[in-house]
Full PDB file with SEQRES, HELIX, SHEET, SSBOND, CRYST1, ORIGX, SCALE, CONECT and MASTER records, all heavy atoms in Angstrom:
SEQRES   1 A   34  PHE GLU VAL LYS MET LEU VAL ASP ALA GLU LEU PHE TRP          
SEQRES   2 A   34  SER ALA TYR GLN ASP PRO ILE GLY GLN GLY LEU ALA TRP          
SEQRES   3 A   34  LYS VAL ASP GLY LYS VAL TYR GLY                              
HELIX    1 AA1 ALA A    9  SER A   14  1                                   6    
HELIX    2 AA2 ILE A   20  GLN A   22  5                                   3    
SHEET    1 AA1 2 LYS A  27  VAL A  28  0                                        
SHEET    2 AA1 2 LYS A  31  VAL A  32 -1                                        
CRYST1    1.000    1.000    1.000  90.00  90.00  90.00 P 1           1          
ORIGX1      1.000000  0.000000  0.000000        0.00000                         
ORIGX2      0.000000  1.000000  0.000000        0.00000                         
ORIGX3      0.000000  0.000000  1.000000        0.00000                         
SCALE1      1.000000  0.000000  0.000000        0.00000                         
SCALE2      0.000000  1.000000  0.000000        0.00000                         
SCALE3      0.000000  0.000000  1.000000        0.00000                         
ATOM      1  N   PHE A   1     -28.925   5.147  14.168  1.00  0.00           N  
ATOM      2  CA  PHE A   1     -28.699   5.451  12.824  1.00  0.00           C  
ATOM      3  C   PHE A   1     -27.765   4.445  12.308  1.00  0.00           C  
ATOM      4  O   PHE A   1     -26.753   4.118  12.886  1.00  0.00           O  
ATOM      5  CB  PHE A   1     -28.068   6.931  12.607  1.00  0.00           C  
ATOM      6  CG  PHE A   1     -27.792   7.264  11.187  1.00  0.00           C  
ATOM      7  CD1 PHE A   1     -28.897   7.080  10.148  1.00  0.00           C  
ATOM      8  CD2 PHE A   1     -26.587   7.639  10.794  1.00  0.00           C  
ATOM      9  CE1 PHE A   1     -28.488   7.465   8.834  1.00  0.00           C  
ATOM     10  CE2 PHE A   1     -26.363   8.079   9.517  1.00  0.00           C  
ATOM     11  CZ  PHE A   1     -27.340   7.941   8.478  1.00  0.00           C  
ATOM     12  N   GLU A   2     -28.052   3.778  11.137  1.00  0.00           N  
ATOM     13  CA  GLU A   2     -27.323   2.661  10.546  1.00  0.00           C  
ATOM     14  C   GLU A   2     -26.637   3.122   9.240  1.00  0.00           C  
ATOM     15  O   GLU A   2     -27.273   3.670   8.374  1.00  0.00           O  
ATOM     16  CB  GLU A   2     -28.148   1.472  10.309  1.00  0.00           C  
ATOM     17  CG  GLU A   2     -27.493   0.346   9.544  1.00  0.00           C  
ATOM     18  CD  GLU A   2     -28.464  -0.651   9.110  1.00  0.00           C  
ATOM     19  OE1 GLU A   2     -29.103  -0.634   8.010  1.00  0.00           O  
ATOM     20  OE2 GLU A   2     -28.623  -1.657   9.937  1.00  0.00           O  
ATOM     21  N   VAL A   3     -25.337   2.838   9.065  1.00  0.00           N  
ATOM     22  CA  VAL A   3     -24.716   2.977   7.797  1.00  0.00           C  
ATOM     23  C   VAL A   3     -23.845   1.770   7.392  1.00  0.00           C  
ATOM     24  O   VAL A   3     -23.167   1.202   8.261  1.00  0.00           O  
ATOM     25  CB  VAL A   3     -23.611   4.231   7.896  1.00  0.00           C  
ATOM     26  CG1 VAL A   3     -22.927   4.314   6.530  1.00  0.00           C  
ATOM     27  CG2 VAL A   3     -24.348   5.512   8.110  1.00  0.00           C  
ATOM     28  N   LYS A   4     -24.143   1.234   6.249  1.00  0.00           N  
ATOM     29  CA  LYS A   4     -23.404   0.062   5.705  1.00  0.00           C  
ATOM     30  C   LYS A   4     -22.836   0.392   4.517  1.00  0.00           C  
ATOM     31  O   LYS A   4     -23.442   1.231   3.704  1.00  0.00           O  
ATOM     32  CB  LYS A   4     -24.394  -1.142   5.406  1.00  0.00           C  
ATOM     33  CG  LYS A   4     -25.024  -1.768   6.702  1.00  0.00           C  
ATOM     34  CD  LYS A   4     -25.907  -2.858   6.255  1.00  0.00           C  
ATOM     35  CE  LYS A   4     -26.588  -3.656   7.519  1.00  0.00           C  
ATOM     36  NZ  LYS A   4     -27.340  -4.668   7.141  1.00  0.00           N  
ATOM     37  N   MET A   5     -21.497  -0.010   4.269  1.00  0.00           N  
ATOM     38  CA  MET A   5     -20.825   0.482   3.105  1.00  0.00           C  
ATOM     39  C   MET A   5     -20.078  -0.654   2.474  1.00  0.00           C  
ATOM     40  O   MET A   5     -19.396  -1.431   3.196  1.00  0.00           O  
ATOM     41  CB  MET A   5     -19.800   1.546   3.405  1.00  0.00           C  
ATOM     42  CG  MET A   5     -19.103   2.070   2.217  1.00  0.00           C  
ATOM     43  SD  MET A   5     -18.173   3.574   2.587  1.00  0.00           S  
ATOM     44  CE  MET A   5     -17.608   4.056   0.992  1.00  0.00           C  
ATOM     45  N   LEU A   6     -20.056  -0.856   1.127  1.00  0.00           N  
ATOM     46  CA  LEU A   6     -19.314  -1.769   0.359  1.00  0.00           C  
ATOM     47  C   LEU A   6     -18.310  -1.035  -0.487  1.00  0.00           C  
ATOM     48  O   LEU A   6     -18.598  -0.177  -1.308  1.00  0.00           O  
ATOM     49  CB  LEU A   6     -20.342  -2.530  -0.638  1.00  0.00           C  
ATOM     50  CG  LEU A   6     -21.265  -3.592   0.130  1.00  0.00           C  
ATOM     51  CD1 LEU A   6     -22.200  -3.944  -0.904  1.00  0.00           C  
ATOM     52  CD2 LEU A   6     -20.379  -4.711   0.450  1.00  0.00           C  
ATOM     53  N   VAL A   7     -17.074  -1.526  -0.522  1.00  0.00           N  
ATOM     54  CA  VAL A   7     -16.023  -1.088  -1.320  1.00  0.00           C  
ATOM     55  C   VAL A   7     -15.258  -2.253  -1.843  1.00  0.00           C  
ATOM     56  O   VAL A   7     -15.345  -3.379  -1.382  1.00  0.00           O  
ATOM     57  CB  VAL A   7     -15.112  -0.069  -0.482  1.00  0.00           C  
ATOM     58  CG1 VAL A   7     -15.744   1.154  -0.006  1.00  0.00           C  
ATOM     59  CG2 VAL A   7     -14.405  -0.732   0.673  1.00  0.00           C  
ATOM     60  N   ASP A   8     -14.396  -1.926  -2.784  1.00  0.00           N  
ATOM     61  CA  ASP A   8     -13.546  -2.918  -3.474  1.00  0.00           C  
ATOM     62  C   ASP A   8     -12.369  -3.239  -2.393  1.00  0.00           C  
ATOM     63  O   ASP A   8     -11.829  -2.354  -1.850  1.00  0.00           O  
ATOM     64  CB  ASP A   8     -12.917  -2.375  -4.713  1.00  0.00           C  
ATOM     65  CG  ASP A   8     -12.378  -3.494  -5.602  1.00  0.00           C  
ATOM     66  OD1 ASP A   8     -11.737  -4.407  -5.157  1.00  0.00           O  
ATOM     67  OD2 ASP A   8     -12.542  -3.387  -6.928  1.00  0.00           O  
ATOM     68  N   ALA A   9     -11.999  -4.551  -2.376  1.00  0.00           N  
ATOM     69  CA  ALA A   9     -10.890  -4.907  -1.492  1.00  0.00           C  
ATOM     70  C   ALA A   9      -9.633  -4.213  -1.906  1.00  0.00           C  
ATOM     71  O   ALA A   9      -8.698  -4.129  -1.187  1.00  0.00           O  
ATOM     72  CB  ALA A   9     -10.773  -6.429  -1.429  1.00  0.00           C  
ATOM     73  N   GLU A  10      -9.453  -3.930  -3.252  1.00  0.00           N  
ATOM     74  CA  GLU A  10      -8.307  -3.310  -3.713  1.00  0.00           C  
ATOM     75  C   GLU A  10      -8.087  -1.913  -2.969  1.00  0.00           C  
ATOM     76  O   GLU A  10      -6.914  -1.595  -2.776  1.00  0.00           O  
ATOM     77  CB  GLU A  10      -8.395  -2.966  -5.122  1.00  0.00           C  
ATOM     78  CG  GLU A  10      -7.207  -2.320  -5.861  1.00  0.00           C  
ATOM     79  CD  GLU A  10      -7.417  -2.024  -7.275  1.00  0.00           C  
ATOM     80  OE1 GLU A  10      -8.446  -2.282  -7.898  1.00  0.00           O  
ATOM     81  OE2 GLU A  10      -6.439  -1.424  -7.822  1.00  0.00           O  
ATOM     82  N   LEU A  11      -9.115  -1.316  -2.574  1.00  0.00           N  
ATOM     83  CA  LEU A  11      -8.935  -0.061  -1.743  1.00  0.00           C  
ATOM     84  C   LEU A  11      -8.129  -0.412  -0.542  1.00  0.00           C  
ATOM     85  O   LEU A  11      -7.265   0.483  -0.142  1.00  0.00           O  
ATOM     86  CB  LEU A  11     -10.357   0.440  -1.414  1.00  0.00           C  
ATOM     87  CG  LEU A  11     -10.303   1.722  -0.534  1.00  0.00           C  
ATOM     88  CD1 LEU A  11      -9.669   2.931  -1.183  1.00  0.00           C  
ATOM     89  CD2 LEU A  11     -11.762   2.019  -0.212  1.00  0.00           C  
ATOM     90  N   PHE A  12      -8.477  -1.464   0.225  1.00  0.00           N  
ATOM     91  CA  PHE A  12      -7.569  -1.776   1.322  1.00  0.00           C  
ATOM     92  C   PHE A  12      -6.159  -2.132   0.919  1.00  0.00           C  
ATOM     93  O   PHE A  12      -5.128  -1.682   1.544  1.00  0.00           O  
ATOM     94  CB  PHE A  12      -8.268  -3.028   2.131  1.00  0.00           C  
ATOM     95  CG  PHE A  12      -7.542  -3.500   3.264  1.00  0.00           C  
ATOM     96  CD1 PHE A  12      -7.712  -2.751   4.471  1.00  0.00           C  
ATOM     97  CD2 PHE A  12      -6.572  -4.505   3.171  1.00  0.00           C  
ATOM     98  CE1 PHE A  12      -7.063  -3.170   5.488  1.00  0.00           C  
ATOM     99  CE2 PHE A  12      -5.866  -4.934   4.316  1.00  0.00           C  
ATOM    100  CZ  PHE A  12      -6.118  -4.183   5.503  1.00  0.00           C  
ATOM    101  N   TRP A  13      -5.940  -2.990  -0.016  1.00  0.00           N  
ATOM    102  CA  TRP A  13      -4.578  -3.368  -0.346  1.00  0.00           C  
ATOM    103  C   TRP A  13      -3.725  -2.232  -0.923  1.00  0.00           C  
ATOM    104  O   TRP A  13      -2.608  -2.325  -0.755  1.00  0.00           O  
ATOM    105  CB  TRP A  13      -4.585  -4.624  -1.342  1.00  0.00           C  
ATOM    106  CG  TRP A  13      -5.290  -5.818  -0.663  1.00  0.00           C  
ATOM    107  CD1 TRP A  13      -6.420  -6.349  -1.155  1.00  0.00           C  
ATOM    108  CD2 TRP A  13      -4.860  -6.489   0.423  1.00  0.00           C  
ATOM    109  NE1 TRP A  13      -6.680  -7.480  -0.252  1.00  0.00           N  
ATOM    110  CE2 TRP A  13      -5.805  -7.433   0.623  1.00  0.00           C  
ATOM    111  CE3 TRP A  13      -3.876  -6.246   1.411  1.00  0.00           C  
ATOM    112  CZ2 TRP A  13      -5.645  -8.395   1.748  1.00  0.00           C  
ATOM    113  CZ3 TRP A  13      -3.695  -7.177   2.440  1.00  0.00           C  
ATOM    114  CH2 TRP A  13      -4.591  -8.292   2.552  1.00  0.00           C  
ATOM    115  N   SER A  14      -4.434  -1.282  -1.565  1.00  0.00           N  
ATOM    116  CA  SER A  14      -3.585  -0.157  -2.041  1.00  0.00           C  
ATOM    117  C   SER A  14      -3.037   0.715  -0.891  1.00  0.00           C  
ATOM    118  O   SER A  14      -2.013   1.346  -1.198  1.00  0.00           O  
ATOM    119  CB  SER A  14      -4.470   0.753  -2.894  1.00  0.00           C  
ATOM    120  OG  SER A  14      -5.408   1.407  -2.135  1.00  0.00           O  
ATOM    121  N   ALA A  15      -3.467   0.624   0.207  1.00  0.00           N  
ATOM    122  CA  ALA A  15      -2.982   1.382   1.344  1.00  0.00           C  
ATOM    123  C   ALA A  15      -2.148   0.420   2.334  1.00  0.00           C  
ATOM    124  O   ALA A  15      -1.643   0.881   3.287  1.00  0.00           O  
ATOM    125  CB  ALA A  15      -4.164   1.796   2.234  1.00  0.00           C  
ATOM    126  N   TYR A  16      -1.905  -0.903   1.873  1.00  0.00           N  
ATOM    127  CA  TYR A  16      -1.349  -1.841   2.766  1.00  0.00           C  
ATOM    128  C   TYR A  16       0.065  -2.162   2.330  1.00  0.00           C  
ATOM    129  O   TYR A  16       0.357  -2.807   1.332  1.00  0.00           O  
ATOM    130  CB  TYR A  16      -2.189  -3.071   2.788  1.00  0.00           C  
ATOM    131  CG  TYR A  16      -1.885  -4.046   3.875  1.00  0.00           C  
ATOM    132  CD1 TYR A  16      -2.251  -3.660   5.215  1.00  0.00           C  
ATOM    133  CD2 TYR A  16      -1.108  -5.208   3.631  1.00  0.00           C  
ATOM    134  CE1 TYR A  16      -1.962  -4.601   6.285  1.00  0.00           C  
ATOM    135  CE2 TYR A  16      -0.797  -6.088   4.605  1.00  0.00           C  
ATOM    136  CZ  TYR A  16      -1.236  -5.687   5.909  1.00  0.00           C  
ATOM    137  OH  TYR A  16      -0.839  -6.685   6.952  1.00  0.00           O  
ATOM    138  N   GLN A  17       1.084  -1.798   3.152  1.00  0.00           N  
ATOM    139  CA  GLN A  17       2.370  -2.250   2.828  1.00  0.00           C  
ATOM    140  C   GLN A  17       3.116  -2.074   4.164  1.00  0.00           C  
ATOM    141  O   GLN A  17       2.791  -1.159   4.992  1.00  0.00           O  
ATOM    142  CB  GLN A  17       3.094  -1.605   1.650  1.00  0.00           C  
ATOM    143  CG  GLN A  17       2.983  -0.077   1.734  1.00  0.00           C  
ATOM    144  CD  GLN A  17       3.499   0.477   0.301  1.00  0.00           C  
ATOM    145  OE1 GLN A  17       3.497  -0.224  -0.564  1.00  0.00           O  
ATOM    146  NE2 GLN A  17       3.690   1.779   0.331  1.00  0.00           N  
ATOM    147  N   ASP A  18       4.265  -2.716   4.230  1.00  0.00           N  
ATOM    148  CA  ASP A  18       5.048  -2.550   5.572  1.00  0.00           C  
ATOM    149  C   ASP A  18       5.720  -1.318   5.515  1.00  0.00           C  
ATOM    150  O   ASP A  18       6.066  -0.670   4.501  1.00  0.00           O  
ATOM    151  CB  ASP A  18       6.067  -3.783   5.569  1.00  0.00           C  
ATOM    152  CG  ASP A  18       5.309  -4.997   5.898  1.00  0.00           C  
ATOM    153  OD1 ASP A  18       4.302  -4.996   6.649  1.00  0.00           O  
ATOM    154  OD2 ASP A  18       5.664  -5.971   5.234  1.00  0.00           O  
ATOM    155  N   PRO A  19       6.188  -0.754   6.749  1.00  0.00           N  
ATOM    156  CA  PRO A  19       6.749   0.541   6.863  1.00  0.00           C  
ATOM    157  C   PRO A  19       8.009   0.608   6.024  1.00  0.00           C  
ATOM    158  O   PRO A  19       8.915  -0.335   5.799  1.00  0.00           O  
ATOM    159  CB  PRO A  19       7.051   0.695   8.269  1.00  0.00           C  
ATOM    160  CG  PRO A  19       6.157  -0.251   9.017  1.00  0.00           C  
ATOM    161  CD  PRO A  19       5.986  -1.485   8.023  1.00  0.00           C  
ATOM    162  N   ILE A  20       8.395   1.886   5.486  1.00  0.00           N  
ATOM    163  CA  ILE A  20       9.619   2.088   4.864  1.00  0.00           C  
ATOM    164  C   ILE A  20      10.689   1.956   5.847  1.00  0.00           C  
ATOM    165  O   ILE A  20      11.790   1.579   5.353  1.00  0.00           O  
ATOM    166  CB  ILE A  20       9.587   3.656   4.313  1.00  0.00           C  
ATOM    167  CG1 ILE A  20       8.492   3.730   3.213  1.00  0.00           C  
ATOM    168  CG2 ILE A  20      10.871   4.064   3.707  1.00  0.00           C  
ATOM    169  CD1 ILE A  20       8.237   5.241   2.823  1.00  0.00           C  
ATOM    170  N   GLY A  21      10.463   2.084   7.045  1.00  0.00           N  
ATOM    171  CA  GLY A  21      11.549   2.022   8.003  1.00  0.00           C  
ATOM    172  C   GLY A  21      12.318   0.551   8.005  1.00  0.00           C  
ATOM    173  O   GLY A  21      13.262   0.370   8.669  1.00  0.00           O  
ATOM    174  N   GLN A  22      11.689  -0.398   7.171  1.00  0.00           N  
ATOM    175  CA  GLN A  22      12.385  -1.718   7.152  1.00  0.00           C  
ATOM    176  C   GLN A  22      13.752  -1.568   6.381  1.00  0.00           C  
ATOM    177  O   GLN A  22      14.471  -2.483   6.333  1.00  0.00           O  
ATOM    178  CB  GLN A  22      11.532  -2.699   6.411  1.00  0.00           C  
ATOM    179  CG  GLN A  22      10.431  -3.278   7.335  1.00  0.00           C  
ATOM    180  CD  GLN A  22       9.796  -4.568   6.645  1.00  0.00           C  
ATOM    181  OE1 GLN A  22       9.951  -4.793   5.458  1.00  0.00           O  
ATOM    182  NE2 GLN A  22       9.075  -5.243   7.486  1.00  0.00           N  
ATOM    183  N   GLY A  23      13.861  -0.402   5.737  1.00  0.00           N  
ATOM    184  CA  GLY A  23      15.183  -0.062   4.977  1.00  0.00           C  
ATOM    185  C   GLY A  23      15.169  -0.785   3.619  1.00  0.00           C  
ATOM    186  O   GLY A  23      16.315  -0.841   3.022  1.00  0.00           O  
ATOM    187  N   LEU A  24      14.212  -1.152   3.062  1.00  0.00           N  
ATOM    188  CA  LEU A  24      14.165  -1.689   1.687  1.00  0.00           C  
ATOM    189  C   LEU A  24      14.138  -0.666   0.722  1.00  0.00           C  
ATOM    190  O   LEU A  24      13.338   0.280   0.681  1.00  0.00           O  
ATOM    191  CB  LEU A  24      13.023  -2.819   1.509  1.00  0.00           C  
ATOM    192  CG  LEU A  24      12.955  -3.948   2.463  1.00  0.00           C  
ATOM    193  CD1 LEU A  24      11.891  -4.829   2.041  1.00  0.00           C  
ATOM    194  CD2 LEU A  24      14.331  -4.634   2.460  1.00  0.00           C  
ATOM    195  N   ALA A  25      14.990  -0.799  -0.345  1.00  0.00           N  
ATOM    196  CA  ALA A  25      14.975   0.407  -1.399  1.00  0.00           C  
ATOM    197  C   ALA A  25      13.965   0.399  -2.285  1.00  0.00           C  
ATOM    198  O   ALA A  25      13.467  -0.800  -2.747  1.00  0.00           O  
ATOM    199  CB  ALA A  25      16.353   0.143  -2.128  1.00  0.00           C  
ATOM    200  N   TRP A  26      13.391   1.472  -2.707  1.00  0.00           N  
ATOM    201  CA  TRP A  26      12.394   1.658  -3.741  1.00  0.00           C  
ATOM    202  C   TRP A  26      12.982   1.704  -5.209  1.00  0.00           C  
ATOM    203  O   TRP A  26      12.556   1.028  -6.001  1.00  0.00           O  
ATOM    204  CB  TRP A  26      11.550   2.827  -3.473  1.00  0.00           C  
ATOM    205  CG  TRP A  26      10.552   2.798  -2.498  1.00  0.00           C  
ATOM    206  CD1 TRP A  26      10.699   2.670  -1.173  1.00  0.00           C  
ATOM    207  CD2 TRP A  26       9.117   2.930  -2.703  1.00  0.00           C  
ATOM    208  NE1 TRP A  26       9.532   2.688  -0.464  1.00  0.00           N  
ATOM    209  CE2 TRP A  26       8.504   2.734  -1.423  1.00  0.00           C  
ATOM    210  CE3 TRP A  26       8.389   3.142  -3.730  1.00  0.00           C  
ATOM    211  CZ2 TRP A  26       7.071   2.871  -1.237  1.00  0.00           C  
ATOM    212  CZ3 TRP A  26       6.990   3.217  -3.636  1.00  0.00           C  
ATOM    213  CH2 TRP A  26       6.381   2.983  -2.424  1.00  0.00           C  
ATOM    214  N   LYS A  27      14.067   2.457  -5.298  1.00  0.00           N  
ATOM    215  CA  LYS A  27      14.729   2.764  -6.495  1.00  0.00           C  
ATOM    216  C   LYS A  27      16.091   2.552  -6.398  1.00  0.00           C  
ATOM    217  O   LYS A  27      16.792   2.967  -5.414  1.00  0.00           O  
ATOM    218  CB  LYS A  27      14.381   4.089  -7.003  1.00  0.00           C  
ATOM    219  CG  LYS A  27      12.910   4.516  -7.090  1.00  0.00           C  
ATOM    220  CD  LYS A  27      12.742   5.939  -7.392  1.00  0.00           C  
ATOM    221  CE  LYS A  27      11.165   6.403  -7.370  1.00  0.00           C  
ATOM    222  NZ  LYS A  27      11.092   7.783  -7.705  1.00  0.00           N  
ATOM    223  N   VAL A  28      16.736   1.834  -7.330  1.00  0.00           N  
ATOM    224  CA  VAL A  28      18.210   1.664  -7.491  1.00  0.00           C  
ATOM    225  C   VAL A  28      18.695   1.757  -8.885  1.00  0.00           C  
ATOM    226  O   VAL A  28      18.136   1.057  -9.839  1.00  0.00           O  
ATOM    227  CB  VAL A  28      18.568   0.164  -6.944  1.00  0.00           C  
ATOM    228  CG1 VAL A  28      20.039   0.009  -7.062  1.00  0.00           C  
ATOM    229  CG2 VAL A  28      18.037  -0.138  -5.543  1.00  0.00           C  
ATOM    230  N   ASP A  29      19.557   2.742  -9.053  1.00  0.00           N  
ATOM    231  CA  ASP A  29      20.151   3.053 -10.411  1.00  0.00           C  
ATOM    232  C   ASP A  29      19.074   3.128 -11.468  1.00  0.00           C  
ATOM    233  O   ASP A  29      19.135   2.445 -12.518  1.00  0.00           O  
ATOM    234  CB  ASP A  29      21.145   1.929 -10.819  1.00  0.00           C  
ATOM    235  CG  ASP A  29      22.391   1.889  -9.860  1.00  0.00           C  
ATOM    236  OD1 ASP A  29      22.667   2.923  -9.103  1.00  0.00           O  
ATOM    237  OD2 ASP A  29      23.066   0.797  -9.876  1.00  0.00           O  
ATOM    238  N   GLY A  30      18.053   3.885 -11.225  1.00  0.00           N  
ATOM    239  CA  GLY A  30      16.995   4.234 -12.186  1.00  0.00           C  
ATOM    240  C   GLY A  30      15.867   3.074 -12.418  1.00  0.00           C  
ATOM    241  O   GLY A  30      15.052   3.211 -13.243  1.00  0.00           O  
ATOM    242  N   LYS A  31      15.975   2.020 -11.435  1.00  0.00           N  
ATOM    243  CA  LYS A  31      14.933   1.075 -11.654  1.00  0.00           C  
ATOM    244  C   LYS A  31      14.035   0.984 -10.341  1.00  0.00           C  
ATOM    245  O   LYS A  31      14.609   1.375  -9.214  1.00  0.00           O  
ATOM    246  CB  LYS A  31      15.565  -0.313 -11.773  1.00  0.00           C  
ATOM    247  CG  LYS A  31      16.152  -0.482 -13.282  1.00  0.00           C  
ATOM    248  CD  LYS A  31      16.533  -1.950 -13.600  1.00  0.00           C  
ATOM    249  CE  LYS A  31      16.979  -2.027 -14.979  1.00  0.00           C  
ATOM    250  NZ  LYS A  31      17.371  -3.516 -15.313  1.00  0.00           N  
ATOM    251  N   VAL A  32      12.948   0.479 -10.327  1.00  0.00           N  
ATOM    252  CA  VAL A  32      12.005   0.597  -9.165  1.00  0.00           C  
ATOM    253  C   VAL A  32      11.744  -0.900  -8.704  1.00  0.00           C  
ATOM    254  O   VAL A  32      11.760  -1.796  -9.524  1.00  0.00           O  
ATOM    255  CB  VAL A  32      10.598   1.144  -9.751  1.00  0.00           C  
ATOM    256  CG1 VAL A  32       9.530   1.012  -8.618  1.00  0.00           C  
ATOM    257  CG2 VAL A  32      10.799   2.574 -10.238  1.00  0.00           C  
ATOM    258  N   TYR A  33      11.829  -1.095  -7.407  1.00  0.00           N  
ATOM    259  CA  TYR A  33      11.613  -2.343  -6.870  1.00  0.00           C  
ATOM    260  C   TYR A  33      10.347  -2.311  -5.801  1.00  0.00           C  
ATOM    261  O   TYR A  33       9.600  -3.318  -5.796  1.00  0.00           O  
ATOM    262  CB  TYR A  33      12.894  -2.816  -6.190  1.00  0.00           C  
ATOM    263  CG  TYR A  33      13.985  -2.954  -7.145  1.00  0.00           C  
ATOM    264  CD1 TYR A  33      14.868  -1.901  -7.420  1.00  0.00           C  
ATOM    265  CD2 TYR A  33      14.014  -4.191  -7.808  1.00  0.00           C  
ATOM    266  CE1 TYR A  33      15.945  -2.117  -8.334  1.00  0.00           C  
ATOM    267  CE2 TYR A  33      14.983  -4.310  -8.896  1.00  0.00           C  
ATOM    268  CZ  TYR A  33      16.011  -3.368  -9.111  1.00  0.00           C  
ATOM    269  OH  TYR A  33      16.944  -3.561 -10.150  1.00  0.00           O  
ATOM    270  N   GLY A  34      10.149  -1.334  -5.060  1.00  0.00           N  
ATOM    271  CA  GLY A  34       8.972  -1.312  -4.172  1.00  0.00           C  
ATOM    272  C   GLY A  34       9.252  -1.900  -2.798  1.00  0.00           C  
ATOM    273  O   GLY A  34      10.119  -2.693  -2.584  1.00  0.00           O  
TER     274      GLY A  34                                                      
MASTER        0    0    0    2    2    0    0    6  273    1    0    3          
END                                                                             
């Protein structure tokens, strides 16, 4: 049985970031950095 699938590369990048464990802040004094 064969399944082929096409999706937007954005789907991959939306799930892709380095672990929170790196210690970088998301929010500081009401501002967002990511």
